[in-house]
Amino acid sequence: MALWSLTRWRRPRAERRYPDPLTMHQLWMVSLSAPVNWDRDASRTTLYPFTRIDDDAARQWLAGQWEITSREKLIGRLDGLARTGYRARVHRLLGVAPLAWDAALYVDITRRGFGSGMISEAEAWTALKNIVPTVVRTYASWHEYADHYLLGRKVWRDGLQGRSEAALPAPHAVAEAHLRALLDPANRASPWNLAPWDAISNPDHARRLQRGRT
């Protein structure tokens, strides 16, 4: 087994540091980033972004992908995604503003900001709550959310043409397959099945932590 793999498996699981299971509303908010989180190390049922504790990985990802190296830059990036994000450009091109693409990125960056220590747990939940009303007003189901996410991602990826294939993100077909799995009603591990769309509009309640399903 590779050294990096051994090191990873020696790290404690996220639930060891954060043992309290998310409430239904909390899981729903975290699940907004599910389209982005297809890596096998990604956690989909905790606020912490990985299945195992790796704060350095969160910091490195924020710096490498978004040039976020400080709390101020993190907050500025989140503010930009909440206000206009990439959907403004898509709207100019297609007349449609795919909020889901920006919302998924917003939640993903928030979670990694928490994982990196740039913001506290309370601040991360506040950030996620801030985007909920706009998302709920815009979509009526995870299917609608998924469709707009894919639209935003496609326009974004198409705008990267000219780079080498190795430098491009995963092909669109890979993203589509990931979204189909999330929407599959038979997928018991899908956070979208664990937290149905209308759950956020109903009273919040505690839920059992399903060990091993992240």
N, C-alpha and C. Protein backbone atom coordinates (compact mmCIF):
# COMPACT_ATOMS: atom_id res chain seq x y z
N MET A 1 0.84 -1.19 0.00
CA MET A 1 0.00 0.00 0.00
C MET A 1 0.88 1.25 0.00
N ALA A 2 0.50 2.26 -0.79
CA ALA A 2 1.29 3.48 -0.89
C ALA A 2 1.36 4.18 0.45
N LEU A 3 2.48 4.93 0.65
CA LEU A 3 2.70 5.62 1.92
C LEU A 3 1.59 6.61 2.21
N TRP A 4 1.15 7.38 1.16
CA TRP A 4 0.09 8.37 1.39
C TRP A 4 -1.19 7.71 1.84
N SER A 5 -1.45 6.50 1.31
CA SER A 5 -2.67 5.78 1.68
C SER A 5 -2.60 5.32 3.12
N LEU A 6 -1.42 4.83 3.54
CA LEU A 6 -1.25 4.42 4.94
C LEU A 6 -1.44 5.61 5.88
N THR A 7 -0.87 6.75 5.48
CA THR A 7 -1.01 7.95 6.31
C THR A 7 -2.46 8.34 6.44
N ARG A 8 -3.20 8.27 5.33
CA ARG A 8 -4.62 8.64 5.36
C ARG A 8 -5.39 7.75 6.33
N TRP A 9 -5.16 6.46 6.27
CA TRP A 9 -5.94 5.55 7.11
C TRP A 9 -5.56 5.63 8.58
N ARG A 10 -4.43 6.25 8.89
CA ARG A 10 -4.07 6.47 10.29
C ARG A 10 -4.79 7.68 10.87
N ARG A 11 -5.34 8.52 10.02
CA ARG A 11 -6.05 9.70 10.50
C ARG A 11 -7.39 9.30 11.10
N PRO A 12 -7.82 9.98 12.18
CA PRO A 12 -9.13 9.64 12.76
C PRO A 12 -10.27 10.00 11.82
N ARG A 13 -11.35 9.25 11.90
CA ARG A 13 -12.53 9.55 11.10
C ARG A 13 -13.15 10.85 11.60
N ALA A 14 -13.83 11.54 10.71
CA ALA A 14 -14.43 12.83 11.05
C ALA A 14 -15.39 12.71 12.23
N GLU A 15 -16.11 11.58 12.29
CA GLU A 15 -17.09 11.41 13.37
C GLU A 15 -16.44 11.31 14.75
N ARG A 16 -15.14 10.97 14.79
CA ARG A 16 -14.44 10.92 16.07
C ARG A 16 -14.31 12.31 16.66
N ARG A 17 -14.01 13.29 15.80
CA ARG A 17 -13.88 14.67 16.26
C ARG A 17 -15.24 15.34 16.39
N TYR A 18 -16.18 14.96 15.52
CA TYR A 18 -17.51 15.57 15.52
C TYR A 18 -18.56 14.47 15.62
N PRO A 19 -18.76 13.94 16.82
CA PRO A 19 -19.60 12.74 16.98
C PRO A 19 -21.10 12.97 16.86
N ASP A 20 -21.56 14.20 17.02
CA ASP A 20 -23.00 14.44 16.99
C ASP A 20 -23.52 14.40 15.55
N PRO A 21 -24.51 13.54 15.27
CA PRO A 21 -25.05 13.49 13.91
C PRO A 21 -25.75 14.80 13.55
N LEU A 22 -25.71 15.13 12.28
CA LEU A 22 -26.38 16.34 11.83
C LEU A 22 -27.89 16.19 11.95
N THR A 23 -28.56 17.30 12.21
CA THR A 23 -30.01 17.28 12.15
C THR A 23 -30.43 17.21 10.68
N MET A 24 -31.71 17.04 10.44
CA MET A 24 -32.17 16.94 9.06
C MET A 24 -31.89 18.22 8.27
N HIS A 25 -32.11 19.37 8.89
CA HIS A 25 -31.83 20.64 8.21
C HIS A 25 -30.33 20.79 7.93
N GLN A 26 -29.50 20.40 8.88
CA GLN A 26 -28.06 20.51 8.68
C GLN A 26 -27.59 19.60 7.55
N LEU A 27 -28.10 18.37 7.51
CA LEU A 27 -27.73 17.46 6.44
C LEU A 27 -28.17 18.01 5.09
N TRP A 28 -29.36 18.59 5.04
CA TRP A 28 -29.87 19.17 3.79
C TRP A 28 -28.91 20.26 3.30
N MET A 29 -28.48 21.13 4.21
CA MET A 29 -27.58 22.22 3.80
C MET A 29 -26.25 21.67 3.31
N VAL A 30 -25.68 20.72 4.03
CA VAL A 30 -24.43 20.11 3.61
C VAL A 30 -24.60 19.44 2.23
N SER A 31 -25.79 18.88 2.00
CA SER A 31 -26.04 18.15 0.76
C SER A 31 -26.09 19.04 -0.47
N LEU A 32 -26.15 20.34 -0.28
CA LEU A 32 -26.11 21.24 -1.44
C LEU A 32 -24.77 21.12 -2.17
N SER A 33 -23.74 20.67 -1.48
CA SER A 33 -22.43 20.50 -2.11
C SER A 33 -22.20 19.09 -2.63
N ALA A 34 -23.19 18.21 -2.51
CA ALA A 34 -23.02 16.82 -2.94
C ALA A 34 -22.60 16.68 -4.40
N PRO A 35 -23.10 17.52 -5.32
CA PRO A 35 -22.65 17.37 -6.72
C PRO A 35 -21.16 17.57 -6.89
N VAL A 36 -20.55 18.40 -6.06
CA VAL A 36 -19.12 18.68 -6.16
C VAL A 36 -18.29 17.57 -5.52
N ASN A 37 -18.84 16.92 -4.53
CA ASN A 37 -18.07 15.99 -3.68
C ASN A 37 -18.21 14.55 -4.15
N TRP A 38 -17.48 14.22 -5.22
CA TRP A 38 -17.53 12.83 -5.69
C TRP A 38 -16.26 12.05 -5.35
N ASP A 39 -15.28 12.73 -4.81
CA ASP A 39 -14.06 12.05 -4.39
C ASP A 39 -14.37 11.06 -3.28
N ARG A 40 -13.70 9.94 -3.27
CA ARG A 40 -14.02 8.91 -2.28
C ARG A 40 -13.66 9.33 -0.86
N ASP A 41 -12.79 10.34 -0.73
CA ASP A 41 -12.44 10.85 0.59
C ASP A 41 -13.43 11.88 1.10
N ALA A 42 -14.36 12.31 0.26
CA ALA A 42 -15.32 13.35 0.65
C ALA A 42 -16.39 12.80 1.58
N SER A 43 -16.73 13.57 2.58
CA SER A 43 -17.84 13.21 3.46
C SER A 43 -19.08 13.96 3.00
N ARG A 44 -20.20 13.28 2.96
CA ARG A 44 -21.45 13.90 2.54
C ARG A 44 -22.47 14.00 3.66
N THR A 45 -22.09 13.56 4.86
CA THR A 45 -23.04 13.60 5.97
C THR A 45 -22.47 14.28 7.21
N THR A 46 -21.37 15.01 7.05
CA THR A 46 -20.81 15.80 8.14
C THR A 46 -20.48 17.19 7.61
N LEU A 47 -20.43 18.16 8.51
CA LEU A 47 -20.00 19.50 8.09
C LEU A 47 -18.54 19.45 7.66
N TYR A 48 -17.73 18.67 8.36
CA TYR A 48 -16.33 18.51 7.98
C TYR A 48 -16.28 17.89 6.58
N PRO A 49 -15.43 18.39 5.68
CA PRO A 49 -15.52 17.98 4.28
C PRO A 49 -14.97 16.61 3.92
N PHE A 50 -14.19 15.99 4.81
CA PHE A 50 -13.57 14.71 4.50
C PHE A 50 -14.03 13.63 5.47
N THR A 51 -13.90 12.38 5.03
CA THR A 51 -14.26 11.27 5.91
C THR A 51 -13.27 11.13 7.06
N ARG A 52 -12.01 11.55 6.81
CA ARG A 52 -10.98 11.51 7.84
C ARG A 52 -10.37 12.88 8.02
N ILE A 53 -9.95 13.19 9.22
CA ILE A 53 -9.44 14.51 9.55
C ILE A 53 -8.17 14.81 8.76
N ASP A 54 -8.22 15.90 8.00
CA ASP A 54 -7.07 16.31 7.20
C ASP A 54 -7.17 17.81 6.95
N ASP A 55 -6.91 18.60 7.98
CA ASP A 55 -7.04 20.05 7.88
C ASP A 55 -6.10 20.63 6.83
N ASP A 56 -4.90 20.04 6.70
CA ASP A 56 -3.94 20.54 5.71
C ASP A 56 -4.48 20.39 4.29
N ALA A 57 -5.18 19.30 4.02
CA ALA A 57 -5.74 19.09 2.68
C ALA A 57 -6.77 20.16 2.36
N ALA A 58 -7.56 20.56 3.36
CA ALA A 58 -8.54 21.62 3.15
C ALA A 58 -7.85 22.94 2.82
N ARG A 59 -6.80 23.24 3.55
CA ARG A 59 -6.05 24.48 3.30
C ARG A 59 -5.39 24.46 1.92
N GLN A 60 -4.79 23.34 1.56
CA GLN A 60 -4.11 23.23 0.27
C GLN A 60 -5.10 23.34 -0.88
N TRP A 61 -6.27 22.74 -0.72
CA TRP A 61 -7.28 22.81 -1.78
C TRP A 61 -7.77 24.23 -1.97
N LEU A 62 -8.06 24.93 -0.89
CA LEU A 62 -8.54 26.31 -0.99
C LEU A 62 -7.49 27.20 -1.67
N ALA A 63 -6.23 27.00 -1.32
CA ALA A 63 -5.16 27.80 -1.91
C ALA A 63 -4.96 27.46 -3.38
N GLY A 64 -4.97 26.17 -3.69
CA GLY A 64 -4.69 25.73 -5.06
C GLY A 64 -5.82 25.98 -6.02
N GLN A 65 -7.06 25.75 -5.58
CA GLN A 65 -8.21 25.88 -6.47
C GLN A 65 -8.79 27.29 -6.52
N TRP A 66 -8.70 28.02 -5.40
CA TRP A 66 -9.39 29.30 -5.31
C TRP A 66 -8.49 30.46 -4.87
N GLU A 67 -7.21 30.18 -4.65
CA GLU A 67 -6.28 31.20 -4.17
C GLU A 67 -6.78 31.82 -2.85
N ILE A 68 -7.42 31.00 -2.04
CA ILE A 68 -7.89 31.43 -0.73
C ILE A 68 -6.85 31.02 0.30
N THR A 69 -6.20 32.00 0.89
CA THR A 69 -5.14 31.72 1.86
C THR A 69 -5.37 32.43 3.19
N SER A 70 -6.53 33.06 3.35
CA SER A 70 -6.83 33.76 4.59
C SER A 70 -8.33 33.80 4.82
N ARG A 71 -8.70 34.10 6.02
CA ARG A 71 -10.11 34.22 6.37
C ARG A 71 -10.78 35.31 5.52
N GLU A 72 -10.09 36.43 5.32
CA GLU A 72 -10.65 37.54 4.57
C GLU A 72 -10.94 37.14 3.13
N LYS A 73 -10.01 36.41 2.52
CA LYS A 73 -10.22 35.97 1.14
C LYS A 73 -11.36 34.96 1.06
N LEU A 74 -11.46 34.11 2.06
CA LEU A 74 -12.55 33.13 2.10
C LEU A 74 -13.90 33.84 2.15
N ILE A 75 -14.05 34.78 3.05
CA ILE A 75 -15.31 35.50 3.20
C ILE A 75 -15.63 36.29 1.93
N GLY A 76 -14.61 36.88 1.32
CA GLY A 76 -14.82 37.62 0.09
C GLY A 76 -15.31 36.72 -1.04
N ARG A 77 -14.73 35.53 -1.15
CA ARG A 77 -15.15 34.60 -2.19
C ARG A 77 -16.58 34.13 -1.97
N LEU A 78 -16.93 33.83 -0.73
CA LEU A 78 -18.29 33.41 -0.44
C LEU A 78 -19.29 34.53 -0.75
N ASP A 79 -18.93 35.75 -0.42
CA ASP A 79 -19.81 36.88 -0.71
C ASP A 79 -20.03 37.02 -2.21
N GLY A 80 -18.98 36.84 -2.99
CA GLY A 80 -19.11 36.94 -4.44
C GLY A 80 -20.00 35.86 -5.02
N LEU A 81 -19.85 34.62 -4.52
CA LEU A 81 -20.70 33.53 -5.00
C LEU A 81 -22.16 33.74 -4.62
N ALA A 82 -22.39 34.28 -3.43
CA ALA A 82 -23.76 34.51 -2.97
C ALA A 82 -24.43 35.62 -3.78
N ARG A 83 -23.68 36.64 -4.14
CA ARG A 83 -24.27 37.79 -4.82
C ARG A 83 -24.50 37.55 -6.31
N THR A 84 -23.45 37.13 -7.01
CA THR A 84 -23.57 36.96 -8.47
C THR A 84 -22.97 35.65 -8.95
N GLY A 85 -21.78 35.32 -8.48
CA GLY A 85 -21.14 34.06 -8.84
C GLY A 85 -20.96 33.90 -10.34
N TYR A 86 -20.92 32.65 -10.78
CA TYR A 86 -20.78 32.33 -12.20
C TYR A 86 -22.11 32.43 -12.93
N ARG A 87 -23.21 32.40 -12.19
CA ARG A 87 -24.52 32.41 -12.83
C ARG A 87 -24.78 33.68 -13.62
N ALA A 88 -24.13 34.77 -13.24
CA ALA A 88 -24.31 36.03 -13.98
C ALA A 88 -23.79 35.88 -15.41
N ARG A 89 -22.65 35.24 -15.57
CA ARG A 89 -22.10 35.02 -16.91
C ARG A 89 -22.98 34.08 -17.72
N VAL A 90 -23.45 33.01 -17.09
CA VAL A 90 -24.31 32.06 -17.78
C VAL A 90 -25.60 32.75 -18.23
N HIS A 91 -26.11 33.62 -17.39
CA HIS A 91 -27.33 34.34 -17.74
C HIS A 91 -27.12 35.22 -18.96
N ARG A 92 -25.96 35.84 -19.06
CA ARG A 92 -25.67 36.66 -20.24
C ARG A 92 -25.60 35.81 -21.50
N LEU A 93 -25.11 34.58 -21.36
CA LEU A 93 -24.95 33.70 -22.51
C LEU A 93 -26.24 32.99 -22.90
N LEU A 94 -26.98 32.52 -21.90
CA LEU A 94 -28.13 31.65 -22.16
C LEU A 94 -29.46 32.19 -21.68
N GLY A 95 -29.44 33.26 -20.90
CA GLY A 95 -30.69 33.78 -20.37
C GLY A 95 -31.20 33.02 -19.17
N VAL A 96 -30.37 32.13 -18.62
CA VAL A 96 -30.73 31.33 -17.45
C VAL A 96 -29.62 31.49 -16.42
N ALA A 97 -29.99 31.67 -15.16
CA ALA A 97 -29.00 31.85 -14.10
C ALA A 97 -28.99 30.62 -13.19
N PRO A 98 -28.06 29.68 -13.40
CA PRO A 98 -28.03 28.43 -12.62
C PRO A 98 -27.46 28.63 -11.21
N LEU A 99 -28.31 29.04 -10.32
CA LEU A 99 -27.90 29.26 -8.93
C LEU A 99 -27.27 28.01 -8.32
N ALA A 100 -27.75 26.83 -8.71
CA ALA A 100 -27.27 25.58 -8.09
C ALA A 100 -25.77 25.41 -8.22
N TRP A 101 -25.21 25.82 -9.36
CA TRP A 101 -23.77 25.71 -9.55
C TRP A 101 -23.03 26.54 -8.51
N ASP A 102 -23.46 27.79 -8.33
CA ASP A 102 -22.82 28.66 -7.34
C ASP A 102 -23.09 28.18 -5.92
N ALA A 103 -24.30 27.68 -5.66
CA ALA A 103 -24.65 27.21 -4.31
C ALA A 103 -23.80 26.02 -3.91
N ALA A 104 -23.58 25.11 -4.84
CA ALA A 104 -22.76 23.93 -4.54
C ALA A 104 -21.32 24.34 -4.23
N LEU A 105 -20.80 25.28 -5.01
CA LEU A 105 -19.44 25.76 -4.75
C LEU A 105 -19.37 26.51 -3.43
N TYR A 106 -20.39 27.32 -3.16
CA TYR A 106 -20.46 28.10 -1.92
C TYR A 106 -20.41 27.18 -0.69
N VAL A 107 -21.21 26.13 -0.72
CA VAL A 107 -21.25 25.21 0.43
C VAL A 107 -19.94 24.42 0.52
N ASP A 108 -19.41 24.01 -0.62
CA ASP A 108 -18.14 23.28 -0.61
C ASP A 108 -17.02 24.13 -0.02
N ILE A 109 -16.92 25.38 -0.45
CA ILE A 109 -15.87 26.27 0.06
C ILE A 109 -16.09 26.55 1.55
N THR A 110 -17.34 26.72 1.96
CA THR A 110 -17.64 26.94 3.38
C THR A 110 -17.15 25.77 4.22
N ARG A 111 -17.45 24.56 3.77
CA ARG A 111 -17.06 23.38 4.52
C ARG A 111 -15.54 23.24 4.60
N ARG A 112 -14.86 23.53 3.51
CA ARG A 112 -13.41 23.45 3.51
C ARG A 112 -12.80 24.59 4.33
N GLY A 113 -13.48 25.74 4.32
CA GLY A 113 -13.03 26.83 5.18
C GLY A 113 -13.11 26.44 6.65
N PHE A 114 -14.17 25.73 7.01
CA PHE A 114 -14.30 25.21 8.37
C PHE A 114 -13.23 24.15 8.62
N GLY A 115 -13.03 23.24 7.66
CA GLY A 115 -12.02 22.19 7.82
C GLY A 115 -10.62 22.75 7.96
N SER A 116 -10.37 23.89 7.32
CA SER A 116 -9.03 24.49 7.38
C SER A 116 -8.81 25.31 8.64
N GLY A 117 -9.90 25.61 9.36
CA GLY A 117 -9.78 26.43 10.56
C GLY A 117 -9.92 27.91 10.31
N MET A 118 -10.24 28.30 9.07
CA MET A 118 -10.38 29.73 8.76
C MET A 118 -11.65 30.32 9.36
N ILE A 119 -12.68 29.49 9.50
CA ILE A 119 -13.92 29.91 10.15
C ILE A 119 -14.33 28.85 11.16
N SER A 120 -15.10 29.26 12.15
CA SER A 120 -15.54 28.33 13.19
C SER A 120 -16.74 27.52 12.71
N GLU A 121 -17.09 26.52 13.49
CA GLU A 121 -18.26 25.70 13.16
C GLU A 121 -19.52 26.55 13.13
N ALA A 122 -19.68 27.42 14.13
CA ALA A 122 -20.86 28.29 14.18
C ALA A 122 -20.90 29.22 12.97
N GLU A 123 -19.76 29.75 12.57
CA GLU A 123 -19.71 30.64 11.40
C GLU A 123 -20.04 29.88 10.12
N ALA A 124 -19.61 28.64 10.04
CA ALA A 124 -19.90 27.83 8.86
C ALA A 124 -21.40 27.58 8.73
N TRP A 125 -22.05 27.24 9.85
CA TRP A 125 -23.50 27.01 9.79
C TRP A 125 -24.24 28.30 9.44
N THR A 126 -23.79 29.42 9.97
CA THR A 126 -24.43 30.69 9.63
C THR A 126 -24.30 30.97 8.14
N ALA A 127 -23.12 30.71 7.58
CA ALA A 127 -22.91 30.91 6.14
C ALA A 127 -23.85 30.03 5.32
N LEU A 128 -24.01 28.77 5.73
CA LEU A 128 -24.90 27.88 4.99
C LEU A 128 -26.36 28.32 5.11
N LYS A 129 -26.74 28.74 6.29
CA LYS A 129 -28.13 29.19 6.48
C LYS A 129 -28.44 30.41 5.62
N ASN A 130 -27.45 31.24 5.38
CA ASN A 130 -27.67 32.46 4.62
C ASN A 130 -28.10 32.20 3.18
N ILE A 131 -27.66 31.07 2.63
CA ILE A 131 -27.97 30.80 1.22
C ILE A 131 -29.25 29.98 1.04
N VAL A 132 -29.75 29.40 2.12
CA VAL A 132 -30.92 28.52 2.03
C VAL A 132 -32.15 29.20 1.44
N PRO A 133 -32.56 30.39 1.92
CA PRO A 133 -33.80 30.99 1.39
C PRO A 133 -33.78 31.17 -0.12
N THR A 134 -32.67 31.61 -0.68
CA THR A 134 -32.59 31.82 -2.13
C THR A 134 -32.69 30.50 -2.88
N VAL A 135 -32.05 29.47 -2.37
CA VAL A 135 -32.10 28.16 -3.02
C VAL A 135 -33.52 27.60 -2.99
N VAL A 136 -34.17 27.70 -1.85
CA VAL A 136 -35.53 27.16 -1.70
C VAL A 136 -36.51 27.91 -2.59
N ARG A 137 -36.32 29.22 -2.74
CA ARG A 137 -37.20 29.99 -3.63
C ARG A 137 -37.00 29.64 -5.10
N THR A 138 -35.81 29.16 -5.42
CA THR A 138 -35.46 28.93 -6.82
C THR A 138 -35.83 27.55 -7.32
N TYR A 139 -35.73 26.55 -6.46
CA TYR A 139 -35.95 25.16 -6.89
C TYR A 139 -37.02 24.47 -6.06
N ALA A 140 -37.60 23.44 -6.67
CA ALA A 140 -38.65 22.68 -5.99
C ALA A 140 -38.28 21.22 -5.77
N SER A 141 -37.08 20.83 -6.19
CA SER A 141 -36.67 19.43 -6.03
C SER A 141 -35.17 19.32 -6.24
N TRP A 142 -34.63 18.18 -5.78
CA TRP A 142 -33.21 17.91 -6.05
C TRP A 142 -32.99 17.72 -7.54
N HIS A 143 -33.99 17.24 -8.27
CA HIS A 143 -33.86 17.08 -9.73
C HIS A 143 -33.63 18.44 -10.39
N GLU A 144 -34.42 19.43 -10.01
CA GLU A 144 -34.24 20.77 -10.59
C GLU A 144 -32.87 21.33 -10.21
N TYR A 145 -32.49 21.13 -8.98
CA TYR A 145 -31.19 21.60 -8.50
C TYR A 145 -30.07 20.95 -9.31
N ALA A 146 -30.19 19.63 -9.53
CA ALA A 146 -29.16 18.90 -10.29
C ALA A 146 -29.08 19.40 -11.73
N ASP A 147 -30.22 19.65 -12.35
CA ASP A 147 -30.22 20.13 -13.74
C ASP A 147 -29.48 21.46 -13.87
N HIS A 148 -29.73 22.38 -12.95
CA HIS A 148 -29.08 23.69 -13.02
C HIS A 148 -27.60 23.58 -12.66
N TYR A 149 -27.26 22.69 -11.74
CA TYR A 149 -25.85 22.48 -11.43
C TYR A 149 -25.11 22.03 -12.69
N LEU A 150 -25.66 21.06 -13.38
CA LEU A 150 -25.01 20.54 -14.58
C LEU A 150 -24.90 21.61 -15.66
N LEU A 151 -25.92 22.44 -15.80
CA LEU A 151 -25.86 23.52 -16.78
C LEU A 151 -24.73 24.49 -16.45
N GLY A 152 -24.66 24.91 -15.20
CA GLY A 152 -23.59 25.82 -14.79
C GLY A 152 -22.22 25.21 -14.99
N ARG A 153 -22.08 23.95 -14.63
CA ARG A 153 -20.78 23.28 -14.77
C ARG A 153 -20.38 23.16 -16.24
N LYS A 154 -21.34 22.85 -17.09
CA LYS A 154 -21.02 22.69 -18.52
C LYS A 154 -20.51 24.00 -19.12
N VAL A 155 -21.19 25.10 -18.83
CA VAL A 155 -20.76 26.39 -19.36
C VAL A 155 -19.38 26.75 -18.81
N TRP A 156 -19.18 26.49 -17.53
CA TRP A 156 -17.88 26.77 -16.91
C TRP A 156 -16.78 25.94 -17.56
N ARG A 157 -17.02 24.64 -17.74
CA ARG A 157 -15.99 23.77 -18.32
C ARG A 157 -15.73 24.13 -19.77
N ASP A 158 -16.79 24.44 -20.51
CA ASP A 158 -16.60 24.82 -21.91
C ASP A 158 -15.74 26.07 -22.03
N GLY A 159 -15.82 26.93 -21.03
CA GLY A 159 -15.01 28.15 -21.04
C GLY A 159 -13.54 27.90 -20.79
N LEU A 160 -13.19 26.66 -20.41
CA LEU A 160 -11.79 26.32 -20.15
C LEU A 160 -11.11 25.69 -21.35
N GLN A 161 -11.84 25.57 -22.48
CA GLN A 161 -11.25 24.96 -23.66
C GLN A 161 -9.99 25.72 -24.07
N GLY A 162 -9.04 24.96 -24.57
CA GLY A 162 -7.75 25.54 -24.91
C GLY A 162 -6.67 25.04 -23.98
N ARG A 163 -7.10 24.57 -22.80
CA ARG A 163 -6.14 23.96 -21.88
C ARG A 163 -5.90 22.52 -22.31
N SER A 164 -4.82 21.95 -21.82
CA SER A 164 -4.56 20.54 -22.10
C SER A 164 -5.62 19.68 -21.42
N GLU A 165 -5.88 18.52 -21.98
CA GLU A 165 -6.91 17.64 -21.41
C GLU A 165 -6.59 17.28 -19.96
N ALA A 166 -5.30 17.14 -19.66
CA ALA A 166 -4.91 16.79 -18.29
C ALA A 166 -5.22 17.91 -17.31
N ALA A 167 -5.28 19.15 -17.80
CA ALA A 167 -5.53 20.29 -16.93
C ALA A 167 -7.01 20.57 -16.75
N LEU A 168 -7.84 19.93 -17.57
CA LEU A 168 -9.28 20.16 -17.49
C LEU A 168 -9.90 19.35 -16.36
N PRO A 169 -11.01 19.82 -15.78
CA PRO A 169 -11.72 19.02 -14.78
C PRO A 169 -12.36 17.80 -15.44
N ALA A 170 -12.95 16.95 -14.65
CA ALA A 170 -13.53 15.71 -15.15
C ALA A 170 -14.53 15.99 -16.28
N PRO A 171 -14.62 15.11 -17.28
CA PRO A 171 -15.58 15.29 -18.37
C PRO A 171 -17.00 15.44 -17.84
N HIS A 172 -17.84 16.10 -18.64
CA HIS A 172 -19.21 16.35 -18.20
C HIS A 172 -19.96 15.04 -17.97
N ALA A 173 -19.64 14.01 -18.73
CA ALA A 173 -20.31 12.72 -18.56
C ALA A 173 -20.09 12.15 -17.17
N VAL A 174 -18.92 12.42 -16.59
CA VAL A 174 -18.62 11.95 -15.24
C VAL A 174 -19.52 12.66 -14.23
N ALA A 175 -19.68 13.97 -14.41
CA ALA A 175 -20.56 14.74 -13.51
C ALA A 175 -22.00 14.26 -13.65
N GLU A 176 -22.43 13.99 -14.86
CA GLU A 176 -23.80 13.51 -15.07
C GLU A 176 -24.02 12.18 -14.37
N ALA A 177 -23.05 11.27 -14.47
CA ALA A 177 -23.18 9.96 -13.82
C ALA A 177 -23.26 10.12 -12.30
N HIS A 178 -22.46 11.03 -11.76
CA HIS A 178 -22.48 11.28 -10.31
C HIS A 178 -23.84 11.81 -9.87
N LEU A 179 -24.41 12.71 -10.65
CA LEU A 179 -25.73 13.26 -10.31
C LEU A 179 -26.82 12.19 -10.42
N ARG A 180 -26.71 11.32 -11.41
CA ARG A 180 -27.70 10.23 -11.53
C ARG A 180 -27.66 9.34 -10.30
N ALA A 181 -26.45 9.07 -9.79
CA ALA A 181 -26.33 8.24 -8.59
C ALA A 181 -26.95 8.92 -7.38
N LEU A 182 -26.74 10.24 -7.26
CA LEU A 182 -27.33 10.98 -6.14
C LEU A 182 -28.85 10.96 -6.21
N LEU A 183 -29.40 10.99 -7.42
CA LEU A 183 -30.86 11.05 -7.59
C LEU A 183 -31.51 9.66 -7.61
N ASP A 184 -30.72 8.64 -7.69
CA ASP A 184 -31.25 7.28 -7.75
C ASP A 184 -31.98 6.93 -6.45
N PRO A 185 -33.29 6.69 -6.49
CA PRO A 185 -34.02 6.39 -5.25
C PRO A 185 -33.55 5.11 -4.56
N ALA A 186 -32.86 4.25 -5.28
CA ALA A 186 -32.36 3.01 -4.69
C ALA A 186 -31.03 3.22 -3.97
N ASN A 187 -30.42 4.38 -4.13
CA ASN A 187 -29.14 4.67 -3.51
C ASN A 187 -29.35 5.11 -2.07
N ARG A 188 -29.25 4.19 -1.15
CA ARG A 188 -29.54 4.49 0.26
C ARG A 188 -28.46 5.36 0.90
N ALA A 189 -27.30 5.45 0.27
CA ALA A 189 -26.23 6.29 0.82
C ALA A 189 -26.30 7.72 0.30
N SER A 190 -27.15 7.98 -0.67
CA SER A 190 -27.23 9.33 -1.22
C SER A 190 -27.78 10.31 -0.18
N PRO A 191 -27.09 11.42 0.08
CA PRO A 191 -27.60 12.39 1.05
C PRO A 191 -28.92 13.00 0.59
N TRP A 192 -29.17 12.98 -0.72
CA TRP A 192 -30.43 13.53 -1.22
C TRP A 192 -31.61 12.61 -0.91
N ASN A 193 -31.33 11.34 -0.69
CA ASN A 193 -32.39 10.44 -0.24
C ASN A 193 -32.52 10.49 1.29
N LEU A 194 -31.40 10.72 1.97
CA LEU A 194 -31.44 10.83 3.43
C LEU A 194 -32.10 12.13 3.88
N ALA A 195 -31.96 13.18 3.05
CA ALA A 195 -32.56 14.48 3.36
C ALA A 195 -33.35 14.94 2.14
N PRO A 196 -34.60 14.52 2.00
CA PRO A 196 -35.42 14.90 0.84
C PRO A 196 -35.52 16.43 0.71
N TRP A 197 -35.83 16.88 -0.50
CA TRP A 197 -35.86 18.31 -0.76
C TRP A 197 -36.77 19.07 0.19
N ASP A 198 -37.96 18.55 0.45
CA ASP A 198 -38.91 19.30 1.28
C ASP A 198 -38.57 19.27 2.76
N ALA A 199 -37.51 18.54 3.14
CA ALA A 199 -37.14 18.46 4.56
C ALA A 199 -36.78 19.81 5.13
N ILE A 200 -36.18 20.68 4.31
CA ILE A 200 -35.76 21.98 4.80
C ILE A 200 -36.95 22.89 5.08
N SER A 201 -38.10 22.59 4.52
CA SER A 201 -39.30 23.40 4.74
C SER A 201 -40.17 22.87 5.87
N ASN A 202 -39.78 21.75 6.44
CA ASN A 202 -40.49 21.15 7.56
C ASN A 202 -39.71 21.38 8.86
N PRO A 203 -40.34 21.21 10.01
CA PRO A 203 -39.61 21.39 11.28
C PRO A 203 -38.37 20.50 11.33
N ASP A 204 -37.32 21.03 11.88
CA ASP A 204 -36.07 20.29 11.98
C ASP A 204 -36.20 19.19 13.03
N HIS A 205 -35.42 18.14 12.88
CA HIS A 205 -35.41 17.08 13.89
C HIS A 205 -34.09 16.33 13.83
N ALA A 206 -33.77 15.66 14.93
CA ALA A 206 -32.55 14.88 15.01
C ALA A 206 -32.68 13.63 14.14
N ARG A 207 -31.54 13.11 13.71
CA ARG A 207 -31.54 11.90 12.91
C ARG A 207 -30.40 11.02 13.37
N ARG A 208 -30.52 9.73 13.12
CA ARG A 208 -29.47 8.82 13.51
C ARG A 208 -28.27 8.95 12.58
N LEU A 209 -27.09 8.82 13.16
CA LEU A 209 -25.87 8.81 12.38
C LEU A 209 -25.71 7.41 11.77
N GLN A 210 -25.60 7.34 10.46
CA GLN A 210 -25.43 6.06 9.80
C GLN A 210 -23.95 5.83 9.57
N ARG A 211 -23.36 5.06 10.41
CA ARG A 211 -21.92 4.82 10.41
C ARG A 211 -21.48 4.23 9.07
N GLY A 212 -20.37 4.76 8.57
CA GLY A 212 -19.79 4.20 7.36
C GLY A 212 -20.40 4.72 6.09
N ARG A 213 -21.44 5.58 6.18
CA ARG A 213 -22.07 6.12 5.00
C ARG A 213 -21.83 7.61 4.95
N THR A 214 -20.76 8.00 4.30
CA THR A 214 -20.40 9.40 4.20
C THR A 214 -20.13 9.75 2.76
